[in-house]
Amino acid sequence: MIPQLRAYSAPQLGRAARYKNTGHVVPDSTSGMLLLDDAQRVMARDDEFCRLMGLAEHELPLTTSLPLLAERNSLLAALVEAVAMLPVAGGARRVGGLTIAVKPMLDNMRLVSVATDAAIEREIPPANAVDACISAAAVGPWEFDPHSSAIRRHDLWWDMLGYERDMGFSYESMVHPDDANPWRNRLVDCVQRGECFASELRLRAACGGWRWVLSRGRRLVRDGKVCWVGADTDISDLKACFAHQGLLASVVDVIPHGVMISDAGGRIQSVNAAFTQITGYTADEAVDRHIDILNSGIHHAVFYQHIWSAVSRRGMWAGEIWNRRKNGEVYPEWMTLICLRDRHDEITHYATVFEDITTRKREEERMAWQAYHDPLTELPNRLLFGDRLEQTIAQAMRTREMVAVLFVDLDGFKPVNDENGHDVGDALLKLFAHRLTASVRTGDTVARLAGDEFTLIVPHITSKEDVVPIAQKVLTAAVQPFHIAGSEIRVGASIGISLFPLHGDGALQLLKRADQAMYRAKHAGRSNWQFFE
């Protein structure tokens, strides 16, 4: 994201106020500043300039060609025309209720000041207006004589640092000790090579602190003598802004959550490292593409309408959503979507923060499965059995059908455990569970209640004779020998059967009566089935 440049710091506003007594342009709330390069591209602008032009900040982005924007804005068009008509040396021009002053800078830059009539105390000479613009922009001109090594500084240079007048300090004595040698070496090297000079350094301000400046100059021949002319520009606010932005960017880039910034039209502007790790898209692949590249295709359009409606009303939305990675894999994520607005309350960007919750979803599914299933046989447990039986009874009431409940208890299982150990007993229970599942119809439920007790739900029957073949299959599954750890083990099964609605209309009542019928089967000699009577 591009940091917004503040036009004036507190010291700069203090300096600007002093110009009221000299009739210069006063850079107060009715004046704005603009910096253009030789191609008339916007290199810097303050908030007030945008306001005077009737534009939101995002409508005047940096590096944009001003003539292109002027096609849609009459004020900008007038400004572009005025700038073009002013001489190369700069000057001022009145356009309607605005005064436009232009000052040429280094590297073919031009500083443009736009002020309303309210910002001008009296008619002023163009040169004074330009000086006021330079002062407001915190620019201090200087001249360097390579023969005497003397640096002559304009009054505006001292003003830039908050001094009332030339204090007589040498330039080098005001340079921060850590910056002195790099600055000096750079200056000497540029003079020897005849190259343009540019260096960032800190200078001591009137308040006793240090101000960052960008010092730039170029070789000039005047009256047959070679000298260097240039200017120092106060960039302290810009450095602080970049440092703050850099800190935020570093934090965003190391957090484990994906972060994506998109413009108001849904085009991706910026992503962090976690975004790439989660989605598979690099920053180069994602930036300038529409956020639809992540669309899974699972959700209905109404779902997305709900999201954007919530964002418009409340400024944010948070919830679970399915998105698609670059490799085509669909995955769940927890997403927070926030809209960012400018000072006019217009939405300029959307910030999306998300995390991949695939592992969490799997863990939740595993815990839910464990809550309703027997860990040994992986059959439904008592809780899930009761829930399914109630649902089956409710359906049978509507269709006027019968439901059978089979209670199965293995005969001779305790001696198997006692003689062969629990490992063999567990293996037998797992094999029997597999046989039971294979013995029933699709739609029937097989569950393990506890120990060697199993139950079956058999829906969609018309008489108790329909249950007999199933009971016989269960009995056969129990009496067939089990081959475990090289041994042949034999058991049997006693089966009790209750019927809905003949023997009850509730799940608990049917299970209890099937259990009673199972005990009748045991008393009848085991390895048989009995209906409840």
Protein backbone atom coordinates (compact mmCIF):
# COMPACT_ATOMS: atom_id res chain seq x y z
CA MET A 1 0.00 0.00 0.00
CA ILE A 2 1.22 3.55 -0.75
CA PRO A 3 1.56 5.75 2.36
CA GLN A 4 -0.17 9.11 2.19
CA LEU A 5 2.29 12.04 2.32
CA ARG A 6 1.49 14.68 4.89
CA ALA A 7 2.08 18.15 3.55
CA TYR A 8 2.99 19.91 6.77
CA SER A 9 4.58 18.92 10.06
CA ALA A 10 4.14 21.06 13.17
CA PRO A 11 7.41 22.99 12.63
CA GLN A 12 6.43 23.62 9.02
CA LEU A 13 3.06 25.07 10.00
CA GLY A 14 4.84 27.35 12.43
CA ARG A 15 7.13 28.60 9.67
CA ALA A 16 4.19 29.11 7.31
CA ALA A 17 2.42 31.30 9.85
CA ARG A 18 5.31 33.76 9.80
CA TYR A 19 4.58 34.50 6.14
CA LYS A 20 1.32 36.22 7.06
CA ASN A 21 3.27 39.35 7.86
CA THR A 22 5.05 39.36 4.50
CA GLY A 23 2.09 38.81 2.22
CA HIS A 24 3.13 35.37 1.01
CA VAL A 25 0.76 32.52 0.22
CA VAL A 26 -0.29 31.09 3.56
CA PRO A 27 -0.41 27.29 3.43
CA ASP A 28 -3.41 26.99 5.75
CA SER A 29 -6.60 24.97 5.32
CA THR A 30 -7.35 26.73 2.01
CA SER A 31 -4.12 25.91 0.16
CA GLY A 32 -2.71 22.70 -1.26
CA MET A 33 0.60 21.41 -2.60
CA LEU A 34 1.44 19.19 -5.57
CA LEU A 35 4.76 17.83 -6.91
CA LEU A 36 4.95 16.92 -10.62
CA ASP A 37 7.75 15.33 -12.64
CA ASP A 38 8.67 16.33 -16.20
CA ALA A 39 5.95 14.02 -17.58
CA GLN A 40 3.34 15.71 -15.34
CA ARG A 41 2.97 12.61 -13.21
CA VAL A 42 1.87 13.12 -9.60
CA MET A 43 4.86 12.44 -7.32
CA ALA A 44 3.37 13.88 -4.11
CA ARG A 45 0.21 15.72 -3.02
CA ASP A 46 -1.37 16.70 0.25
CA ASP A 47 -4.92 16.18 1.51
CA GLU A 48 -5.88 19.82 0.97
CA PHE A 49 -4.95 19.74 -2.70
CA CYS A 50 -7.29 16.78 -3.20
CA ARG A 51 -10.06 18.65 -1.39
CA LEU A 52 -9.62 21.79 -3.48
CA MET A 53 -9.83 19.72 -6.64
CA GLY A 54 -12.97 17.95 -5.38
CA LEU A 55 -11.31 14.53 -5.38
CA ALA A 56 -11.02 11.71 -2.86
CA GLU A 57 -7.43 10.75 -2.04
CA HIS A 58 -7.68 7.43 -3.89
CA GLU A 59 -8.86 9.29 -7.01
CA LEU A 60 -5.47 11.02 -7.31
CA PRO A 61 -2.97 8.13 -6.92
CA LEU A 62 0.76 8.73 -7.02
CA THR A 63 2.61 8.32 -10.35
CA THR A 64 -0.63 8.91 -12.27
CA SER A 65 -0.53 11.25 -15.29
CA LEU A 66 -2.27 14.50 -14.30
CA PRO A 67 -3.50 15.32 -17.87
CA LEU A 68 -5.31 11.96 -18.03
CA LEU A 69 -7.15 12.69 -14.80
CA ALA A 70 -7.89 16.24 -16.01
CA GLU A 71 -10.13 14.85 -18.73
CA ARG A 72 -12.74 14.09 -16.06
CA ASN A 73 -12.21 17.09 -13.78
CA SER A 74 -12.61 20.71 -14.91
CA LEU A 75 -10.53 22.11 -12.03
CA LEU A 76 -7.64 19.78 -12.83
CA ALA A 77 -7.96 20.68 -16.50
CA ALA A 78 -7.63 24.39 -15.66
CA LEU A 79 -4.64 23.67 -13.44
CA VAL A 80 -2.89 21.60 -16.14
CA GLU A 81 -3.45 24.42 -18.64
CA ALA A 82 -2.11 27.04 -16.22
CA VAL A 83 1.01 25.02 -15.43
CA ALA A 84 1.68 24.52 -19.13
CA MET A 85 1.39 28.27 -19.81
CA LEU A 86 3.78 29.32 -17.03
CA PRO A 87 7.43 29.81 -18.05
CA VAL A 88 10.12 27.22 -17.32
CA ALA A 89 11.51 29.49 -14.61
CA GLY A 90 8.19 29.29 -12.77
CA GLY A 91 5.74 31.92 -11.63
CA ALA A 92 2.13 32.39 -10.57
CA ARG A 93 -1.21 32.58 -12.37
CA ARG A 94 -4.80 33.26 -11.35
CA VAL A 95 -7.46 30.81 -12.50
CA GLY A 96 -10.94 31.70 -11.29
CA GLY A 97 -10.77 31.87 -7.51
CA LEU A 98 -7.44 30.04 -7.32
CA THR A 99 -3.85 31.23 -7.42
CA ILE A 100 -1.46 28.68 -8.92
CA ALA A 101 2.26 29.13 -8.23
CA VAL A 102 4.94 26.93 -9.85
CA LYS A 103 8.59 26.57 -8.84
CA PRO A 104 11.08 24.44 -10.83
CA MET A 105 12.94 21.84 -8.73
CA LEU A 106 15.87 19.52 -9.30
CA ASP A 107 15.55 16.60 -11.72
CA ASN A 108 12.93 18.48 -13.77
CA MET A 109 10.45 18.41 -10.90
CA ARG A 110 7.93 21.23 -10.41
CA LEU A 111 6.37 22.27 -7.13
CA VAL A 112 2.80 23.52 -7.58
CA SER A 113 0.94 25.49 -4.93
CA VAL A 114 -2.81 26.05 -5.23
CA ALA A 115 -4.44 28.61 -2.92
CA THR A 116 -7.91 30.10 -2.68
CA ASP A 117 -8.49 33.84 -2.35
CA ALA A 118 -9.01 33.30 1.36
CA ALA A 119 -5.42 32.12 1.66
CA ILE A 120 -3.96 35.31 0.14
CA GLU A 121 -3.76 38.48 2.23
CA ARG A 122 -2.83 40.75 -0.70
CA GLU A 123 -1.51 40.60 -4.23
CA ILE A 124 2.05 39.30 -4.13
CA PRO A 125 4.89 39.13 -6.63
CA PRO A 126 5.29 35.68 -8.20
CA ALA A 127 8.79 35.29 -6.77
CA ASN A 128 7.51 35.76 -3.21
CA ALA A 129 4.72 33.26 -3.82
CA VAL A 130 7.27 30.72 -5.00
CA ASP A 131 9.45 31.32 -1.94
CA ALA A 132 6.42 30.72 0.26
CA CYS A 133 5.72 27.47 -1.58
CA ILE A 134 9.32 26.33 -1.09
CA SER A 135 9.21 27.15 2.61
CA ALA A 136 5.92 25.37 3.10
CA ALA A 137 7.35 22.31 1.36
CA ALA A 138 10.37 22.38 3.73
CA VAL A 139 13.00 22.87 1.01
CA GLY A 140 16.28 24.70 1.76
CA PRO A 141 18.46 25.84 -1.21
CA TRP A 142 22.27 25.87 -0.92
CA GLU A 143 25.36 26.54 -3.05
CA PHE A 144 28.72 24.76 -2.75
CA ASP A 145 32.04 26.24 -3.90
CA PRO A 146 34.42 23.31 -4.63
CA HIS A 147 37.46 25.66 -4.54
CA SER A 148 36.89 27.01 -1.05
CA SER A 149 34.71 24.09 0.15
CA ALA A 150 32.30 26.69 1.48
CA ILE A 151 28.58 26.01 1.52
CA ARG A 152 26.34 29.07 1.33
CA ARG A 153 22.79 28.45 2.52
CA HIS A 154 19.67 30.39 1.63
CA ASP A 155 17.56 31.87 4.43
CA LEU A 156 14.94 29.25 3.57
CA TRP A 157 17.46 26.54 4.50
CA TRP A 158 17.63 27.85 8.04
CA ASP A 159 13.89 28.34 8.06
CA MET A 160 13.44 24.66 7.08
CA LEU A 161 15.17 23.63 10.32
CA GLY A 162 13.19 26.08 12.44
CA TYR A 163 15.87 28.78 12.89
CA GLU A 164 14.80 32.42 12.86
CA ARG A 165 17.98 33.51 11.06
CA ASP A 166 21.39 32.38 9.86
CA MET A 167 23.09 31.12 13.01
CA GLY A 168 26.55 31.02 11.44
CA PHE A 169 27.11 27.33 12.15
CA SER A 170 29.06 25.48 9.48
CA TYR A 171 27.09 22.98 7.45
CA GLU A 172 29.27 20.06 8.53
CA SER A 173 28.92 20.90 12.23
CA MET A 174 25.15 20.45 11.90
CA VAL A 175 25.35 17.00 10.33
CA HIS A 176 24.69 13.99 12.58
CA PRO A 177 28.01 12.32 13.55
CA ASP A 178 26.92 8.99 12.05
CA ASP A 179 26.11 10.66 8.73
CA ALA A 180 29.09 13.04 8.46
CA ASN A 181 31.62 10.74 6.77
CA PRO A 182 29.16 9.14 4.26
CA TRP A 183 27.85 12.62 3.33
CA ARG A 184 31.33 14.12 2.95
CA ASN A 185 32.66 11.17 0.90
CA ARG A 186 29.64 11.25 -1.36
CA LEU A 187 29.96 14.99 -1.95
CA VAL A 188 33.70 14.78 -2.75
CA ASP A 189 33.16 11.83 -5.08
CA CYS A 190 30.38 13.61 -6.99
CA VAL A 191 32.47 16.79 -7.34
CA GLN A 192 35.43 14.83 -8.69
CA ARG A 193 33.28 12.91 -11.17
CA GLY A 194 31.07 15.85 -12.07
CA GLU A 195 27.98 13.81 -11.22
CA CYS A 196 24.74 14.90 -9.61
CA PHE A 197 24.84 14.73 -5.84
CA ALA A 198 22.21 12.99 -3.72
CA SER A 199 22.41 11.87 -0.11
CA GLU A 200 20.15 11.31 2.89
CA LEU A 201 21.41 12.68 6.20
CA ARG A 202 20.28 14.10 9.52
CA LEU A 203 20.67 17.79 10.40
CA ARG A 204 20.34 19.41 13.80
CA ALA A 205 17.10 21.43 14.10
CA ALA A 206 16.46 24.52 16.20
CA CYS A 207 14.56 22.41 18.72
CA GLY A 208 17.70 20.39 19.40
CA GLY A 209 16.49 17.25 17.66
CA TRP A 210 17.45 15.81 14.29
CA ARG A 211 15.60 16.17 11.00
CA TRP A 212 16.09 13.82 8.06
CA VAL A 213 16.77 15.63 4.80
CA LEU A 214 17.32 14.56 1.20
CA SER A 215 20.20 16.66 -0.10
CA ARG A 216 20.49 16.89 -3.89
CA GLY A 217 22.60 19.11 -6.14
CA ARG A 218 24.11 19.42 -9.58
CA ARG A 219 27.13 21.01 -11.26
CA LEU A 220 26.66 24.53 -12.63
CA VAL A 221 28.98 26.91 -14.47
CA ARG A 222 28.28 30.55 -13.62
CA ASP A 223 30.41 33.50 -14.73
CA GLY A 224 33.05 31.03 -15.84
CA LYS A 225 33.27 29.41 -12.41
CA VAL A 226 32.17 25.89 -11.48
CA CYS A 227 29.88 25.56 -8.49
CA TRP A 228 27.27 23.17 -7.18
CA VAL A 229 23.73 24.26 -6.46
CA GLY A 230 21.08 22.18 -4.79
CA ALA A 231 18.50 21.95 -2.06
CA ASP A 232 17.84 19.99 1.10
CA THR A 233 14.29 18.68 1.46
CA ASP A 234 12.90 17.78 4.88
CA ILE A 235 11.83 14.12 4.63
CA SER A 236 11.48 13.40 8.37
CA ASP A 237 7.73 12.85 8.17
CA LEU A 238 8.17 10.66 5.12
CA LYS A 239 10.89 8.59 6.81
CA ALA A 240 8.70 8.16 9.89
CA CYS A 241 5.78 7.18 7.68
CA PHE A 242 7.86 4.64 5.80
CA ALA A 243 9.30 3.27 9.06
CA HIS A 244 5.79 2.87 10.46
CA GLN A 245 4.55 1.29 7.25
CA GLY A 246 7.60 -0.99 7.18
CA LEU A 247 6.95 -2.11 10.76
CA LEU A 248 3.31 -2.87 9.97
CA ALA A 249 4.32 -4.70 6.79
CA SER A 250 6.84 -6.80 8.74
CA VAL A 251 4.22 -7.75 11.31
CA VAL A 252 1.64 -8.58 8.63
CA ASP A 253 4.16 -10.69 6.73
CA VAL A 254 5.09 -12.90 9.71
CA ILE A 255 1.67 -13.56 11.21
CA PRO A 256 0.35 -17.09 10.48
CA HIS A 257 -2.95 -15.79 9.07
CA GLY A 258 -3.41 -14.97 5.41
CA VAL A 259 -3.87 -11.26 4.69
CA MET A 260 -5.19 -9.88 1.41
CA ILE A 261 -5.90 -6.24 0.51
CA SER A 262 -8.19 -5.62 -2.47
CA ASP A 263 -9.55 -2.42 -3.97
CA ALA A 264 -13.21 -1.45 -4.05
CA GLY A 265 -13.63 -3.37 -7.33
CA GLY A 266 -12.28 -6.63 -5.88
CA ARG A 267 -8.81 -6.53 -7.46
CA ILE A 268 -6.05 -7.80 -5.20
CA GLN A 269 -3.54 -5.10 -4.23
CA SER A 270 -1.35 -6.81 -1.65
CA VAL A 271 -0.89 -10.20 0.06
CA ASN A 272 1.38 -11.54 2.79
CA ALA A 273 3.54 -14.66 3.06
CA ALA A 274 0.83 -16.71 4.81
CA PHE A 275 -1.53 -16.00 1.89
CA THR A 276 0.95 -17.71 -0.44
CA GLN A 277 1.44 -20.62 1.95
CA ILE A 278 -2.30 -21.23 2.29
CA THR A 279 -3.54 -20.57 -1.25
CA GLY A 280 -0.48 -21.52 -3.30
CA TYR A 281 -0.56 -18.20 -5.19
CA THR A 282 2.58 -16.06 -5.05
CA ALA A 283 2.25 -12.30 -4.69
CA ASP A 284 3.11 -11.82 -8.38
CA GLU A 285 0.41 -14.32 -9.39
CA ALA A 286 -2.27 -12.80 -7.15
CA VAL A 287 -1.76 -9.03 -7.33
CA ASP A 288 -3.94 -7.27 -9.93
CA ARG A 289 -6.17 -10.35 -10.28
CA HIS A 290 -9.76 -10.49 -9.06
CA ILE A 291 -10.54 -12.16 -5.74
CA ASP A 292 -12.71 -14.63 -7.68
CA ILE A 293 -9.56 -16.72 -8.28
CA LEU A 294 -10.21 -18.12 -4.77
CA ASN A 295 -13.90 -18.90 -5.37
CA SER A 296 -14.62 -22.57 -4.62
CA GLY A 297 -17.88 -22.68 -6.58
CA ILE A 298 -19.56 -24.39 -3.61
CA HIS A 299 -21.53 -21.47 -2.18
CA HIS A 300 -24.68 -20.09 -3.73
CA ALA A 301 -24.77 -16.47 -4.90
CA VAL A 302 -27.13 -15.70 -2.01
CA PHE A 303 -24.33 -16.61 0.42
CA TYR A 304 -22.01 -13.99 -1.05
CA GLN A 305 -24.85 -11.44 -1.15
CA HIS A 306 -25.27 -11.98 2.58
CA ILE A 307 -21.53 -11.35 3.16
CA TRP A 308 -21.39 -8.12 1.18
CA SER A 309 -24.63 -6.90 2.71
CA ALA A 310 -23.19 -7.45 6.21
CA VAL A 311 -19.97 -5.63 5.27
CA SER A 312 -21.92 -2.67 3.90
CA ARG A 313 -24.10 -2.44 7.03
CA ARG A 314 -21.64 -3.25 9.81
CA GLY A 315 -18.27 -2.71 8.15
CA MET A 316 -17.19 -6.33 8.54
CA TRP A 317 -18.19 -9.97 8.28
CA ALA A 318 -16.66 -13.04 9.93
CA GLY A 319 -17.50 -16.67 9.35
CA GLU A 320 -16.63 -20.00 7.77
CA ILE A 321 -16.22 -20.18 4.01
CA TRP A 322 -14.89 -22.69 1.48
CA ASN A 323 -12.26 -21.42 -0.96
CA ARG A 324 -10.05 -23.00 -3.63
CA ARG A 325 -6.26 -23.22 -3.71
CA LYS A 326 -4.18 -22.71 -6.83
CA ASN A 327 -3.93 -26.51 -7.30
CA GLY A 328 -7.73 -26.76 -7.35
CA GLU A 329 -8.12 -28.18 -3.84
CA VAL A 330 -11.15 -26.86 -1.98
CA TYR A 331 -10.55 -26.14 1.70
CA PRO A 332 -12.40 -24.53 4.64
CA GLU A 333 -11.21 -21.27 6.15
CA TRP A 334 -12.32 -18.87 8.84
CA MET A 335 -12.43 -15.45 7.24
CA THR A 336 -12.82 -11.90 8.51
CA LEU A 337 -13.66 -9.29 5.86
CA ILE A 338 -13.35 -5.59 6.73
CA CYS A 339 -14.09 -2.57 4.54
CA LEU A 340 -11.76 0.44 4.64
CA ARG A 341 -13.21 3.90 4.06
CA ASP A 342 -11.75 7.32 3.31
CA ARG A 343 -12.63 10.51 5.15
CA HIS A 344 -15.66 10.92 2.91
CA ASP A 345 -16.93 7.54 4.15
CA GLU A 346 -16.43 6.01 0.71
CA ILE A 347 -15.17 2.40 0.56
CA THR A 348 -11.67 2.37 -0.94
CA HIS A 349 -10.34 -1.08 -0.03
CA TYR A 350 -11.22 -4.39 1.60
CA ALA A 351 -8.95 -6.16 4.07
CA THR A 352 -9.36 -9.93 4.33
CA VAL A 353 -7.77 -11.97 7.12
CA PHE A 354 -8.20 -15.74 7.02
CA GLU A 355 -6.83 -19.03 8.35
CA ASP A 356 -6.98 -22.56 6.97
CA ILE A 357 -9.17 -24.59 9.35
CA THR A 358 -8.84 -27.94 7.56
CA THR A 359 -7.04 -29.51 10.55
CA ARG A 360 -9.54 -28.02 12.99
CA LYS A 361 -12.48 -29.31 10.96
CA ARG A 362 -10.98 -32.80 10.85
CA GLU A 363 -10.43 -32.73 14.60
CA GLU A 364 -14.02 -31.60 15.16
CA GLU A 365 -15.28 -34.38 12.91
CA ARG A 366 -13.09 -36.91 14.71
CA MET A 367 -14.37 -35.81 18.12
CA ALA A 368 -17.97 -35.85 16.89
CA TRP A 369 -17.44 -39.34 15.43
CA GLN A 370 -15.96 -40.57 18.72
CA ALA A 371 -18.93 -39.18 20.63
CA TYR A 372 -21.33 -41.37 18.62
CA HIS A 373 -19.29 -44.48 17.82
CA ASP A 374 -17.76 -47.42 19.65
CA PRO A 375 -13.94 -47.08 19.47
CA LEU A 376 -13.31 -50.85 19.21
CA THR A 377 -15.77 -51.93 16.52
CA GLU A 378 -16.41 -48.46 15.01
CA LEU A 379 -20.15 -49.24 15.16
CA PRO A 380 -22.69 -46.66 16.40
CA ASN A 381 -22.75 -46.54 20.20
CA ARG A 382 -25.72 -46.43 22.56
CA LEU A 383 -26.20 -42.66 22.06
CA LEU A 384 -26.33 -42.81 18.26
CA PHE A 385 -28.43 -46.01 18.38
CA GLY A 386 -31.07 -44.27 20.50
CA ASP A 387 -31.12 -41.24 18.20
CA ARG A 388 -31.53 -43.36 15.06
CA LEU A 389 -34.23 -45.52 16.68
CA GLU A 390 -36.28 -42.43 17.56
CA GLN A 391 -35.97 -41.14 13.98
CA THR A 392 -36.93 -44.55 12.56
CA ILE A 393 -40.00 -44.74 14.82
CA ALA A 394 -41.08 -41.22 13.78
CA GLN A 395 -40.80 -42.19 10.11
CA ALA A 396 -42.67 -45.45 10.67
CA MET A 397 -45.54 -43.52 12.25
CA ARG A 398 -45.88 -41.49 9.07
CA THR A 399 -45.66 -44.51 6.73
CA ARG A 400 -47.64 -46.87 9.02
CA GLU A 401 -44.89 -49.49 8.88
CA MET A 402 -43.35 -51.72 11.53
CA VAL A 403 -39.85 -51.51 13.04
CA ALA A 404 -37.97 -54.39 14.63
CA VAL A 405 -35.32 -54.05 17.36
CA LEU A 406 -32.95 -57.00 17.82
CA PHE A 407 -30.93 -57.32 21.01
CA VAL A 408 -27.95 -59.70 20.50
CA ASP A 409 -25.84 -61.13 23.33
CA LEU A 410 -22.95 -63.49 22.57
CA ASP A 411 -23.05 -66.87 24.34
CA GLY A 412 -19.79 -68.10 25.83
CA PHE A 413 -17.89 -64.87 25.37
CA LYS A 414 -16.75 -64.57 29.01
CA PRO A 415 -14.79 -67.86 28.94
CA VAL A 416 -13.06 -66.70 25.75
CA ASN A 417 -11.82 -63.60 27.56
CA ASP A 418 -10.82 -65.54 30.66
CA GLU A 419 -8.94 -68.30 28.81
CA ASN A 420 -7.40 -66.36 25.89
CA GLY A 421 -7.07 -62.78 27.18
CA HIS A 422 -8.74 -59.50 26.32
CA ASP A 423 -6.81 -59.10 23.07
CA VAL A 424 -8.41 -62.22 21.65
CA GLY A 425 -11.79 -61.14 23.05
CA ASP A 426 -11.49 -57.74 21.37
CA ALA A 427 -10.50 -59.36 18.08
CA LEU A 428 -13.59 -61.61 18.26
CA LEU A 429 -15.87 -58.63 18.90
CA LYS A 430 -14.44 -56.79 15.89
CA LEU A 431 -14.91 -59.85 13.64
CA PHE A 432 -18.45 -60.37 14.85
CA ALA A 433 -19.25 -56.66 14.25
CA HIS A 434 -18.04 -57.06 10.67
CA ARG A 435 -20.20 -60.18 10.20
CA LEU A 436 -23.24 -58.41 11.64
CA THR A 437 -22.86 -55.49 9.27
CA ALA A 438 -22.63 -57.91 6.34
CA SER A 439 -25.76 -59.77 7.49
CA VAL A 440 -28.22 -56.88 7.46
CA ARG A 441 -29.87 -54.85 4.71
CA THR A 442 -28.87 -51.42 3.47
CA GLY A 443 -30.58 -48.94 5.77
CA ASP A 444 -30.51 -51.22 8.82
CA THR A 445 -28.49 -50.03 11.83
CA VAL A 446 -26.02 -52.18 13.75
CA ALA A 447 -24.74 -50.85 17.09
CA ARG A 448 -22.66 -52.04 20.04
CA LEU A 449 -24.10 -51.07 23.40
CA ALA A 450 -21.43 -52.50 25.73
CA GLY A 451 -19.29 -55.59 26.18
CA ASP A 452 -20.69 -58.38 23.99
CA GLU A 453 -24.12 -56.73 23.59
CA PHE A 454 -25.15 -55.63 20.09
CA THR A 455 -28.41 -54.18 18.76
CA LEU A 456 -30.03 -53.89 15.34
CA ILE A 457 -32.72 -51.57 13.97
CA VAL A 458 -34.69 -53.12 11.11
CA PRO A 459 -37.19 -50.66 9.53
CA HIS A 460 -39.74 -51.09 6.72
CA ILE A 461 -41.28 -54.45 7.71
CA THR A 462 -44.91 -55.47 7.48
CA SER A 463 -44.96 -58.47 9.87
CA LYS A 464 -42.72 -60.25 12.34
CA GLU A 465 -42.07 -62.99 9.77
CA ASP A 466 -39.98 -60.40 7.83
CA VAL A 467 -37.52 -60.36 10.74
CA VAL A 468 -36.92 -64.13 10.89
CA PRO A 469 -34.44 -64.31 7.93
CA ILE A 470 -32.42 -61.47 9.44
CA ALA A 471 -32.38 -63.10 12.89
CA GLN A 472 -31.21 -66.37 11.29
CA LYS A 473 -28.34 -64.55 9.51
CA VAL A 474 -27.27 -62.96 12.79
CA LEU A 475 -27.34 -66.33 14.53
CA THR A 476 -25.30 -67.91 11.71
CA ALA A 477 -22.77 -65.09 11.93
CA ALA A 478 -22.31 -65.83 15.64
CA VAL A 479 -22.05 -69.64 15.53
CA GLN A 480 -19.56 -69.78 12.63
CA PRO A 481 -16.06 -70.42 14.07
CA PHE A 482 -13.68 -67.47 14.54
CA HIS A 483 -10.02 -68.00 13.62
CA ILE A 484 -7.89 -65.75 15.84
CA ALA A 485 -4.16 -65.98 16.53
CA GLY A 486 -4.01 -69.52 15.14
CA SER A 487 -6.90 -70.76 17.28
CA GLU A 488 -10.46 -71.66 16.37
CA ILE A 489 -12.97 -70.09 18.73
CA ARG A 490 -16.67 -70.83 18.85
CA VAL A 491 -19.44 -68.85 20.48
CA GLY A 492 -23.17 -68.45 19.96
CA ALA A 493 -25.78 -65.76 20.31
CA SER A 494 -29.07 -65.23 22.07
CA ILE A 495 -31.37 -62.80 20.24
CA GLY A 496 -34.39 -60.90 21.60
CA ILE A 497 -36.81 -59.12 19.24
CA SER A 498 -39.35 -56.35 19.92
CA LEU A 499 -41.65 -54.72 17.34
CA PHE A 500 -43.04 -51.25 16.90
CA PRO A 501 -45.88 -50.57 17.45
CA LEU A 502 -46.86 -54.00 18.84
CA HIS A 503 -44.50 -53.92 21.83
CA GLY A 504 -44.17 -50.18 22.44
CA ASP A 505 -44.04 -46.77 20.81
CA GLY A 506 -40.84 -45.38 22.38
CA ALA A 507 -37.16 -46.15 21.78
CA LEU A 508 -36.38 -46.94 25.41
CA GLN A 509 -39.42 -49.18 25.78
CA LEU A 510 -38.62 -51.16 22.62
CA LEU A 511 -34.97 -51.63 23.66
CA LYS A 512 -35.97 -52.78 27.15
CA ARG A 513 -38.43 -55.35 25.78
CA ALA A 514 -35.94 -56.64 23.22
CA ASP A 515 -33.52 -57.12 26.14
CA GLN A 516 -36.18 -59.08 28.04
CA ALA A 517 -36.82 -61.25 24.99
CA MET A 518 -33.04 -61.92 24.74
CA TYR A 519 -33.07 -63.35 28.28
CA ARG A 520 -35.96 -65.59 27.26
CA ALA A 521 -33.76 -66.88 24.46
CA LYS A 522 -30.97 -67.66 26.94
CA HIS A 523 -33.38 -69.50 29.23
CA ALA A 524 -34.61 -71.42 26.18
CA GLY A 525 -31.17 -72.97 25.67
CA ARG A 526 -29.24 -70.15 23.95
CA SER A 527 -28.27 -69.87 20.27
CA ASN A 528 -31.85 -68.95 19.30
CA TRP A 529 -34.13 -65.95 18.98
CA GLN A 530 -37.33 -65.02 20.79
CA PHE A 531 -39.97 -62.35 20.25
CA PHE A 532 -41.16 -60.33 23.21
CA GLU A 533 -44.39 -61.64 24.74
